[in-house]
N, C-alpha and C. Protein backbone atom coordinates (compact mmCIF):
# COMPACT_ATOMS: atom_id res chain seq x y z
N MET A 1 72.88 10.20 -118.29
CA MET A 1 72.51 11.54 -117.90
C MET A 1 73.36 11.96 -116.72
N SER A 2 73.81 13.18 -116.74
CA SER A 2 74.67 13.72 -115.70
C SER A 2 74.08 15.03 -115.19
N ILE A 3 74.11 15.20 -113.88
CA ILE A 3 73.60 16.43 -113.27
C ILE A 3 74.79 17.21 -112.72
N ASP A 4 74.89 18.45 -113.11
CA ASP A 4 75.98 19.31 -112.64
C ASP A 4 75.54 19.98 -111.34
N LEU A 5 76.19 19.64 -110.25
CA LEU A 5 75.87 20.24 -108.95
C LEU A 5 76.64 21.53 -108.70
N GLY A 6 77.46 21.89 -109.63
CA GLY A 6 78.24 23.12 -109.46
C GLY A 6 79.33 22.92 -108.43
N ASP A 7 79.88 23.99 -107.97
CA ASP A 7 80.95 23.96 -106.99
C ASP A 7 80.34 24.01 -105.59
N LEU A 8 80.21 22.84 -104.95
CA LEU A 8 79.60 22.78 -103.62
C LEU A 8 80.42 23.52 -102.58
N ASN A 9 81.71 23.64 -102.80
CA ASN A 9 82.57 24.33 -101.83
C ASN A 9 82.28 25.82 -101.74
N SER A 10 81.58 26.38 -102.72
CA SER A 10 81.26 27.81 -102.65
C SER A 10 79.88 28.06 -102.04
N ASP A 11 79.14 27.00 -101.76
CA ASP A 11 77.80 27.13 -101.18
C ASP A 11 77.92 27.06 -99.66
N PRO A 12 77.62 28.16 -98.94
CA PRO A 12 77.82 28.17 -97.47
C PRO A 12 76.95 27.15 -96.74
N ARG A 13 75.90 26.66 -97.34
CA ARG A 13 75.09 25.62 -96.68
C ARG A 13 75.88 24.33 -96.51
N TYR A 14 76.92 24.17 -97.33
CA TYR A 14 77.75 22.97 -97.25
C TYR A 14 79.00 23.18 -96.41
N THR A 15 79.41 24.41 -96.22
CA THR A 15 80.70 24.65 -95.57
C THR A 15 80.62 25.42 -94.26
N ARG A 16 79.55 26.16 -94.07
CA ARG A 16 79.43 26.98 -92.87
C ARG A 16 79.16 26.09 -91.66
N GLN A 17 79.81 26.40 -90.54
CA GLN A 17 79.64 25.61 -89.33
C GLN A 17 79.04 26.49 -88.24
N GLY A 18 78.34 25.87 -87.30
CA GLY A 18 77.75 26.64 -86.21
C GLY A 18 77.16 25.76 -85.13
N GLY A 19 77.27 24.45 -85.30
CA GLY A 19 76.75 23.53 -84.30
C GLY A 19 77.57 23.57 -83.02
N ILE A 20 76.98 23.09 -81.95
CA ILE A 20 77.66 23.04 -80.66
C ILE A 20 77.67 21.59 -80.20
N HIS A 21 78.83 21.09 -79.86
CA HIS A 21 78.97 19.74 -79.31
C HIS A 21 79.34 19.88 -77.84
N VAL A 22 78.52 19.30 -76.98
CA VAL A 22 78.78 19.33 -75.54
C VAL A 22 79.13 17.90 -75.11
N PRO A 23 80.40 17.63 -74.89
CA PRO A 23 80.80 16.27 -74.48
C PRO A 23 80.18 15.87 -73.14
N ALA A 24 80.01 14.57 -72.99
CA ALA A 24 79.47 14.03 -71.73
C ALA A 24 80.33 14.49 -70.56
N ASN A 25 79.71 14.61 -69.41
CA ASN A 25 80.40 14.95 -68.16
C ASN A 25 81.09 16.31 -68.19
N THR A 26 80.55 17.25 -68.96
CA THR A 26 81.10 18.60 -68.97
C THR A 26 80.02 19.57 -68.52
N GLY A 27 80.43 20.75 -68.17
CA GLY A 27 79.52 21.79 -67.72
C GLY A 27 79.94 22.26 -66.34
N GLU A 28 79.31 23.32 -65.90
CA GLU A 28 79.61 23.87 -64.58
C GLU A 28 78.56 23.40 -63.59
N THR A 29 79.01 22.80 -62.49
CA THR A 29 78.11 22.22 -61.49
C THR A 29 78.05 23.10 -60.25
N LYS A 30 76.82 23.26 -59.75
CA LYS A 30 76.57 24.01 -58.51
C LYS A 30 75.53 23.26 -57.68
N TRP A 31 75.60 23.48 -56.38
CA TRP A 31 74.54 23.03 -55.49
C TRP A 31 73.58 24.19 -55.33
N PHE A 32 72.29 23.91 -55.49
CA PHE A 32 71.30 24.97 -55.38
C PHE A 32 70.02 24.40 -54.80
N SER A 33 69.60 24.93 -53.69
CA SER A 33 68.33 24.55 -53.06
C SER A 33 68.27 23.06 -52.73
N GLY A 34 69.42 22.47 -52.40
CA GLY A 34 69.46 21.06 -52.04
C GLY A 34 69.62 20.12 -53.22
N ASP A 35 69.72 20.63 -54.43
CA ASP A 35 69.88 19.83 -55.64
C ASP A 35 71.28 20.05 -56.22
N VAL A 36 71.65 19.18 -57.15
CA VAL A 36 72.91 19.31 -57.87
C VAL A 36 72.57 19.64 -59.32
N TYR A 37 72.98 20.82 -59.78
CA TYR A 37 72.67 21.28 -61.13
C TYR A 37 73.96 21.48 -61.91
N THR A 38 74.00 20.93 -63.11
CA THR A 38 75.12 21.14 -64.02
C THR A 38 74.58 21.84 -65.26
N VAL A 39 75.04 23.05 -65.50
CA VAL A 39 74.64 23.78 -66.71
C VAL A 39 75.41 23.16 -67.86
N ARG A 40 74.69 22.43 -68.72
CA ARG A 40 75.31 21.73 -69.84
C ARG A 40 75.45 22.61 -71.06
N LEU A 41 74.48 23.51 -71.26
CA LEU A 41 74.51 24.41 -72.41
C LEU A 41 73.80 25.69 -72.00
N GLY A 42 74.52 26.80 -72.04
CA GLY A 42 73.96 28.06 -71.58
C GLY A 42 73.54 28.98 -72.71
N ALA A 43 72.75 29.96 -72.35
CA ALA A 43 72.26 30.95 -73.31
C ALA A 43 73.40 31.67 -74.01
N ALA A 44 74.51 31.89 -73.32
CA ALA A 44 75.64 32.60 -73.92
C ALA A 44 76.19 31.85 -75.14
N ALA A 45 76.12 30.52 -75.12
CA ALA A 45 76.64 29.72 -76.22
C ALA A 45 75.64 29.55 -77.35
N THR A 46 74.37 29.84 -77.09
CA THR A 46 73.31 29.58 -78.09
C THR A 46 72.65 30.86 -78.57
N ASN A 47 73.31 31.98 -78.38
CA ASN A 47 72.73 33.28 -78.76
C ASN A 47 71.37 33.48 -78.09
N GLY A 48 71.26 32.96 -76.85
CA GLY A 48 70.05 33.14 -76.06
C GLY A 48 68.93 32.16 -76.36
N ALA A 49 69.12 31.25 -77.30
CA ALA A 49 68.02 30.38 -77.72
C ALA A 49 67.56 29.40 -76.66
N ILE A 50 68.50 28.82 -75.90
CA ILE A 50 68.13 27.75 -74.97
C ILE A 50 69.17 27.66 -73.86
N GLY A 51 68.75 27.17 -72.71
CA GLY A 51 69.64 26.81 -71.61
C GLY A 51 69.26 25.41 -71.19
N ILE A 52 70.25 24.53 -71.04
CA ILE A 52 69.98 23.14 -70.67
C ILE A 52 70.75 22.83 -69.39
N VAL A 53 70.02 22.29 -68.41
CA VAL A 53 70.58 21.96 -67.10
C VAL A 53 70.32 20.49 -66.81
N GLU A 54 71.36 19.80 -66.34
CA GLU A 54 71.22 18.43 -65.86
C GLU A 54 71.07 18.49 -64.35
N ALA A 55 70.07 17.81 -63.82
CA ALA A 55 69.78 17.90 -62.39
C ALA A 55 69.78 16.53 -61.72
N SER A 56 70.33 16.49 -60.51
CA SER A 56 70.20 15.35 -59.60
C SER A 56 69.44 15.88 -58.39
N VAL A 57 68.30 15.25 -58.11
CA VAL A 57 67.42 15.73 -57.05
C VAL A 57 67.31 14.63 -55.99
N PRO A 58 67.99 14.82 -54.84
CA PRO A 58 67.94 13.81 -53.78
C PRO A 58 66.54 13.71 -53.16
N PRO A 59 66.25 12.58 -52.50
CA PRO A 59 64.96 12.46 -51.82
C PRO A 59 64.70 13.65 -50.89
N GLY A 60 63.49 14.17 -50.94
CA GLY A 60 63.08 15.29 -50.11
C GLY A 60 63.44 16.64 -50.68
N SER A 61 64.18 16.67 -51.76
CA SER A 61 64.67 17.93 -52.29
C SER A 61 63.84 18.43 -53.47
N GLY A 62 64.16 19.63 -53.89
CA GLY A 62 63.50 20.31 -55.01
C GLY A 62 63.38 21.78 -54.69
N PRO A 63 63.17 22.61 -55.70
CA PRO A 63 63.13 24.05 -55.47
C PRO A 63 61.82 24.52 -54.85
N VAL A 64 61.83 25.72 -54.33
CA VAL A 64 60.62 26.38 -53.85
C VAL A 64 59.73 26.67 -55.07
N ALA A 65 58.42 26.70 -54.86
CA ALA A 65 57.51 27.05 -55.95
C ALA A 65 57.86 28.45 -56.47
N HIS A 66 57.81 28.60 -57.79
CA HIS A 66 58.24 29.85 -58.40
C HIS A 66 57.63 30.00 -59.79
N THR A 67 57.84 31.16 -60.39
CA THR A 67 57.48 31.42 -61.78
C THR A 67 58.68 31.99 -62.51
N HIS A 68 58.61 31.93 -63.83
CA HIS A 68 59.60 32.57 -64.70
C HIS A 68 58.87 33.59 -65.55
N ALA A 69 59.33 34.82 -65.54
CA ALA A 69 58.66 35.87 -66.31
C ALA A 69 58.88 35.70 -67.81
N ASP A 70 60.07 35.23 -68.21
CA ASP A 70 60.44 35.27 -69.63
C ASP A 70 60.79 33.93 -70.24
N GLN A 71 60.79 32.85 -69.48
CA GLN A 71 61.17 31.55 -70.02
C GLN A 71 60.09 30.51 -69.80
N ASP A 72 59.90 29.68 -70.81
CA ASP A 72 59.16 28.43 -70.65
C ASP A 72 60.18 27.42 -70.13
N GLU A 73 59.69 26.40 -69.42
CA GLU A 73 60.60 25.41 -68.87
C GLU A 73 60.07 24.01 -69.20
N THR A 74 60.94 23.18 -69.74
CA THR A 74 60.58 21.82 -70.10
C THR A 74 61.48 20.87 -69.32
N PHE A 75 60.87 19.86 -68.72
CA PHE A 75 61.59 18.87 -67.91
C PHE A 75 61.49 17.51 -68.58
N TYR A 76 62.61 16.79 -68.64
CA TYR A 76 62.64 15.43 -69.16
C TYR A 76 63.27 14.55 -68.09
N LEU A 77 62.46 13.66 -67.49
CA LEU A 77 62.95 12.81 -66.41
C LEU A 77 63.72 11.63 -66.98
N LEU A 78 64.96 11.50 -66.52
CA LEU A 78 65.82 10.41 -66.97
C LEU A 78 65.68 9.19 -66.06
N SER A 79 65.52 9.43 -64.75
CA SER A 79 65.34 8.34 -63.80
C SER A 79 64.62 8.88 -62.56
N GLY A 80 63.94 7.98 -61.87
CA GLY A 80 63.24 8.35 -60.64
C GLY A 80 61.87 8.92 -60.90
N GLU A 81 61.31 9.48 -59.85
CA GLU A 81 59.99 10.11 -59.91
C GLU A 81 60.05 11.44 -59.18
N LEU A 82 59.30 12.40 -59.69
CA LEU A 82 59.22 13.70 -59.06
C LEU A 82 57.76 14.14 -59.00
N GLU A 83 57.41 14.73 -57.87
CA GLU A 83 56.10 15.35 -57.73
C GLU A 83 56.20 16.76 -58.28
N PHE A 84 55.29 17.11 -59.18
CA PHE A 84 55.28 18.45 -59.77
C PHE A 84 54.06 19.23 -59.29
N LEU A 85 54.27 20.52 -59.11
CA LEU A 85 53.19 21.47 -58.88
C LEU A 85 53.05 22.29 -60.16
N ASP A 86 51.84 22.39 -60.68
CA ASP A 86 51.53 23.17 -61.88
C ASP A 86 50.33 24.04 -61.51
N GLY A 87 50.59 25.30 -61.12
CA GLY A 87 49.50 26.16 -60.63
C GLY A 87 49.02 25.62 -59.30
N ASP A 88 47.82 25.02 -59.27
CA ASP A 88 47.31 24.40 -58.04
C ASP A 88 47.15 22.89 -58.20
N ARG A 89 47.65 22.33 -59.30
CA ARG A 89 47.56 20.89 -59.57
C ARG A 89 48.87 20.22 -59.20
N ILE A 90 48.78 19.07 -58.53
CA ILE A 90 49.95 18.28 -58.17
C ILE A 90 49.84 16.93 -58.87
N PHE A 91 50.95 16.49 -59.50
CA PHE A 91 50.97 15.19 -60.17
C PHE A 91 52.38 14.61 -60.07
N THR A 92 52.52 13.33 -60.37
CA THR A 92 53.81 12.66 -60.34
C THR A 92 54.26 12.35 -61.75
N ALA A 93 55.51 12.66 -62.03
CA ALA A 93 56.13 12.33 -63.32
C ALA A 93 57.21 11.30 -63.07
N SER A 94 57.35 10.36 -64.01
CA SER A 94 58.31 9.26 -63.88
C SER A 94 59.30 9.28 -65.03
N ALA A 95 60.32 8.42 -64.92
CA ALA A 95 61.35 8.32 -65.95
C ALA A 95 60.72 8.20 -67.33
N GLY A 96 61.21 9.01 -68.25
CA GLY A 96 60.69 9.03 -69.62
C GLY A 96 59.63 10.08 -69.85
N ASP A 97 59.05 10.61 -68.78
CA ASP A 97 58.01 11.64 -68.92
C ASP A 97 58.63 13.00 -69.24
N ILE A 98 57.86 13.81 -69.93
CA ILE A 98 58.21 15.19 -70.23
C ILE A 98 57.14 16.08 -69.63
N VAL A 99 57.56 17.15 -68.98
CA VAL A 99 56.64 18.13 -68.39
C VAL A 99 57.01 19.50 -68.96
N PHE A 100 56.03 20.20 -69.50
CA PHE A 100 56.24 21.55 -70.04
C PHE A 100 55.48 22.53 -69.17
N ILE A 101 56.17 23.57 -68.71
CA ILE A 101 55.55 24.62 -67.90
C ILE A 101 55.75 25.96 -68.62
N PRO A 102 54.66 26.59 -69.08
CA PRO A 102 54.79 27.89 -69.74
C PRO A 102 55.23 28.98 -68.75
N ARG A 103 55.86 30.00 -69.29
CA ARG A 103 56.27 31.15 -68.46
C ARG A 103 55.07 31.68 -67.69
N THR A 104 55.33 32.25 -66.54
CA THR A 104 54.39 32.87 -65.59
C THR A 104 53.52 31.87 -64.82
N ILE A 105 53.67 30.56 -65.06
CA ILE A 105 52.89 29.56 -64.32
C ILE A 105 53.69 29.12 -63.09
N ARG A 106 53.05 29.17 -61.94
CA ARG A 106 53.69 28.74 -60.68
C ARG A 106 53.94 27.23 -60.75
N HIS A 107 55.17 26.83 -60.40
CA HIS A 107 55.52 25.43 -60.46
C HIS A 107 56.67 25.12 -59.52
N ARG A 108 56.86 23.84 -59.29
CA ARG A 108 58.02 23.32 -58.57
C ARG A 108 58.03 21.81 -58.78
N PHE A 109 59.13 21.19 -58.43
CA PHE A 109 59.20 19.74 -58.40
C PHE A 109 59.80 19.34 -57.07
N LYS A 110 59.47 18.14 -56.63
CA LYS A 110 59.97 17.64 -55.34
C LYS A 110 60.13 16.13 -55.44
N ASN A 111 61.26 15.65 -54.94
CA ASN A 111 61.49 14.22 -54.92
C ASN A 111 60.85 13.66 -53.65
N VAL A 112 59.74 12.95 -53.81
CA VAL A 112 59.06 12.34 -52.68
C VAL A 112 59.36 10.84 -52.60
N GLY A 113 60.32 10.39 -53.42
CA GLY A 113 60.70 8.97 -53.47
C GLY A 113 61.87 8.64 -52.56
N LEU A 114 62.40 7.45 -52.77
CA LEU A 114 63.51 6.95 -51.95
C LEU A 114 64.87 7.13 -52.61
N HIS A 115 64.89 7.36 -53.93
CA HIS A 115 66.15 7.42 -54.67
C HIS A 115 66.29 8.77 -55.37
N THR A 116 67.52 9.15 -55.62
CA THR A 116 67.80 10.39 -56.35
C THR A 116 67.18 10.32 -57.74
N ALA A 117 66.49 11.38 -58.13
CA ALA A 117 65.93 11.50 -59.47
C ALA A 117 66.90 12.29 -60.34
N LYS A 118 66.96 11.94 -61.61
CA LYS A 118 67.81 12.66 -62.55
C LYS A 118 66.95 13.15 -63.71
N MET A 119 67.24 14.37 -64.15
CA MET A 119 66.49 14.92 -65.27
C MET A 119 67.29 15.98 -65.99
N LEU A 120 66.81 16.33 -67.16
CA LEU A 120 67.27 17.50 -67.88
C LEU A 120 66.15 18.51 -67.85
N PHE A 121 66.48 19.78 -67.66
CA PHE A 121 65.47 20.79 -67.91
C PHE A 121 66.01 21.85 -68.82
N LEU A 122 65.09 22.38 -69.63
CA LEU A 122 65.44 23.30 -70.70
C LEU A 122 64.68 24.59 -70.52
N TYR A 123 65.40 25.70 -70.60
CA TYR A 123 64.78 27.02 -70.59
C TYR A 123 64.75 27.54 -72.02
N THR A 124 63.59 28.00 -72.45
CA THR A 124 63.47 28.62 -73.77
C THR A 124 62.74 29.94 -73.62
N PRO A 125 63.34 31.05 -74.01
CA PRO A 125 64.76 31.16 -74.35
C PRO A 125 65.62 30.91 -73.11
N GLY A 126 66.90 30.76 -73.34
CA GLY A 126 67.82 30.50 -72.25
C GLY A 126 68.08 31.75 -71.43
N GLY A 127 68.76 31.56 -70.32
CA GLY A 127 69.18 32.66 -69.46
C GLY A 127 68.97 32.40 -68.00
N ALA A 128 67.84 31.77 -67.63
CA ALA A 128 67.55 31.54 -66.22
C ALA A 128 68.56 30.60 -65.56
N GLU A 129 69.24 29.78 -66.38
CA GLU A 129 70.23 28.85 -65.82
C GLU A 129 71.38 29.59 -65.14
N ASN A 130 71.57 30.86 -65.48
CA ASN A 130 72.63 31.64 -64.84
C ASN A 130 72.36 31.90 -63.36
N LEU A 131 71.12 31.79 -62.94
CA LEU A 131 70.79 31.92 -61.52
C LEU A 131 71.58 30.90 -60.70
N PHE A 132 71.67 29.67 -61.20
CA PHE A 132 72.40 28.62 -60.47
C PHE A 132 73.89 28.91 -60.41
N LEU A 133 74.42 29.41 -61.52
CA LEU A 133 75.86 29.70 -61.58
C LEU A 133 76.23 30.85 -60.66
N GLU A 134 75.36 31.85 -60.58
CA GLU A 134 75.64 33.03 -59.75
C GLU A 134 75.28 32.83 -58.29
N GLY A 135 74.26 32.02 -58.00
CA GLY A 135 73.79 31.90 -56.63
C GLY A 135 74.04 30.57 -55.96
N GLY A 136 74.52 29.59 -56.72
CA GLY A 136 74.72 28.26 -56.17
C GLY A 136 75.98 28.13 -55.35
N ASP A 137 76.03 27.06 -54.58
CA ASP A 137 77.20 26.75 -53.75
C ASP A 137 78.17 25.88 -54.54
N GLU A 138 79.45 25.99 -54.21
CA GLU A 138 80.45 25.12 -54.82
C GLU A 138 80.28 23.71 -54.27
N PRO A 139 80.20 22.72 -55.14
CA PRO A 139 80.09 21.33 -54.67
C PRO A 139 81.36 20.89 -53.94
N GLU A 140 81.18 19.99 -52.98
CA GLU A 140 82.30 19.44 -52.23
C GLU A 140 82.34 17.93 -52.44
N PRO A 141 83.39 17.43 -53.08
CA PRO A 141 83.48 15.99 -53.31
C PRO A 141 83.37 15.21 -52.00
N GLY A 142 82.62 14.12 -52.04
CA GLY A 142 82.49 13.26 -50.87
C GLY A 142 81.54 13.76 -49.81
N VAL A 143 80.86 14.90 -50.08
CA VAL A 143 79.92 15.49 -49.12
C VAL A 143 78.54 15.52 -49.76
N ALA A 144 77.52 15.19 -48.99
CA ALA A 144 76.15 15.25 -49.51
C ALA A 144 75.70 16.70 -49.63
N VAL A 145 74.98 16.98 -50.72
CA VAL A 145 74.42 18.32 -50.91
C VAL A 145 73.47 18.62 -49.76
N GLN A 146 73.49 19.85 -49.27
CA GLN A 146 72.65 20.25 -48.14
C GLN A 146 71.38 20.94 -48.61
N ALA A 147 70.26 20.60 -47.99
CA ALA A 147 68.99 21.26 -48.30
C ALA A 147 69.06 22.73 -47.87
N TRP A 148 68.33 23.56 -48.55
CA TRP A 148 68.23 24.97 -48.18
C TRP A 148 66.93 25.19 -47.41
N GLY A 149 67.03 25.89 -46.30
CA GLY A 149 65.85 26.31 -45.57
C GLY A 149 65.47 27.73 -45.99
N PRO A 150 64.39 28.24 -45.43
CA PRO A 150 63.94 29.60 -45.78
C PRO A 150 65.00 30.67 -45.54
N GLU A 151 65.90 30.43 -44.58
CA GLU A 151 66.92 31.43 -44.27
C GLU A 151 67.89 31.65 -45.43
N ARG A 152 68.02 30.68 -46.33
CA ARG A 152 68.92 30.84 -47.49
C ARG A 152 68.36 31.80 -48.53
N PHE A 153 67.06 32.03 -48.47
CA PHE A 153 66.44 32.93 -49.45
C PHE A 153 66.49 34.36 -48.92
N ASP A 154 67.74 34.80 -48.75
CA ASP A 154 67.99 36.15 -48.25
C ASP A 154 67.91 37.15 -49.40
N GLU A 155 68.22 38.39 -49.11
CA GLU A 155 68.10 39.44 -50.13
C GLU A 155 69.03 39.19 -51.31
N ARG A 156 70.19 38.60 -51.07
CA ARG A 156 71.10 38.30 -52.18
C ARG A 156 70.47 37.31 -53.16
N ILE A 157 69.94 36.20 -52.63
CA ILE A 157 69.33 35.18 -53.50
C ILE A 157 68.06 35.72 -54.15
N LEU A 158 67.23 36.42 -53.38
CA LEU A 158 66.01 36.98 -53.96
C LEU A 158 66.33 38.05 -55.01
N GLY A 159 67.44 38.77 -54.81
CA GLY A 159 67.90 39.73 -55.82
C GLY A 159 68.30 39.03 -57.11
N LEU A 160 68.97 37.87 -56.98
CA LEU A 160 69.32 37.08 -58.17
C LEU A 160 68.07 36.53 -58.84
N PHE A 161 67.07 36.14 -58.03
CA PHE A 161 65.79 35.71 -58.62
C PHE A 161 65.25 36.83 -59.50
N ARG A 162 65.17 38.03 -58.95
CA ARG A 162 64.62 39.17 -59.71
C ARG A 162 65.44 39.42 -60.97
N LYS A 163 66.75 39.38 -60.84
CA LYS A 163 67.64 39.62 -61.99
C LYS A 163 67.34 38.65 -63.13
N HIS A 164 66.99 37.42 -62.81
CA HIS A 164 66.77 36.38 -63.82
C HIS A 164 65.29 36.12 -64.08
N GLY A 165 64.42 37.03 -63.64
CA GLY A 165 63.00 36.92 -63.95
C GLY A 165 62.28 35.81 -63.22
N VAL A 166 62.80 35.42 -62.05
CA VAL A 166 62.21 34.35 -61.26
C VAL A 166 61.55 34.98 -60.03
N GLU A 167 60.35 34.54 -59.72
CA GLU A 167 59.67 35.00 -58.51
C GLU A 167 59.33 33.80 -57.65
N ALA A 168 59.80 33.79 -56.41
CA ALA A 168 59.47 32.72 -55.48
C ALA A 168 58.03 32.88 -55.01
N LEU A 169 57.26 31.80 -55.11
CA LEU A 169 55.87 31.78 -54.64
C LEU A 169 55.68 30.53 -53.79
N PRO A 170 56.33 30.51 -52.61
CA PRO A 170 56.34 29.28 -51.80
C PRO A 170 54.96 28.88 -51.33
N GLU A 171 54.83 27.57 -51.15
CA GLU A 171 53.59 27.01 -50.62
C GLU A 171 53.48 27.31 -49.13
N ASP A 172 54.62 27.24 -48.46
CA ASP A 172 54.65 27.56 -47.03
C ASP A 172 56.09 27.87 -46.63
N TRP A 173 56.26 28.81 -45.74
CA TRP A 173 57.57 29.12 -45.19
C TRP A 173 57.41 29.47 -43.76
């Protein structure tokens, strides 16, 4: 018995391409709020579907508490531990843990450990990752990333927050 599959070369499911391959150690890196963020895959490349950021969070560092108007945010810890704020709940996440924060929920993470934590975070839909590209500092090889104090959250940075649907809701300043 023989089955005729027809001409597979004329079926676009077999020939059409659209995947994205992001090689290791690529992306645009910025220092932001005392952390090192590398945008690995941006909304521009995914038709807005997702934004993926690789983060290195030194001890004592992490962003100010904030919300996202239009994006859900998912965190996947690769190494280390981070303290998370979810609304008014505080908990610790460790390597291998996943944390999902729906849009409009106040959140932040903070490295309260001794070693740099590494993670991936994903914005769905993508777009908020552009805040780091537009507002972050250029990294300097051989120099430690500097923490940001309240003075860094000037009108320029807060304007970029608004542009990207982010609202700072700090615990204390």
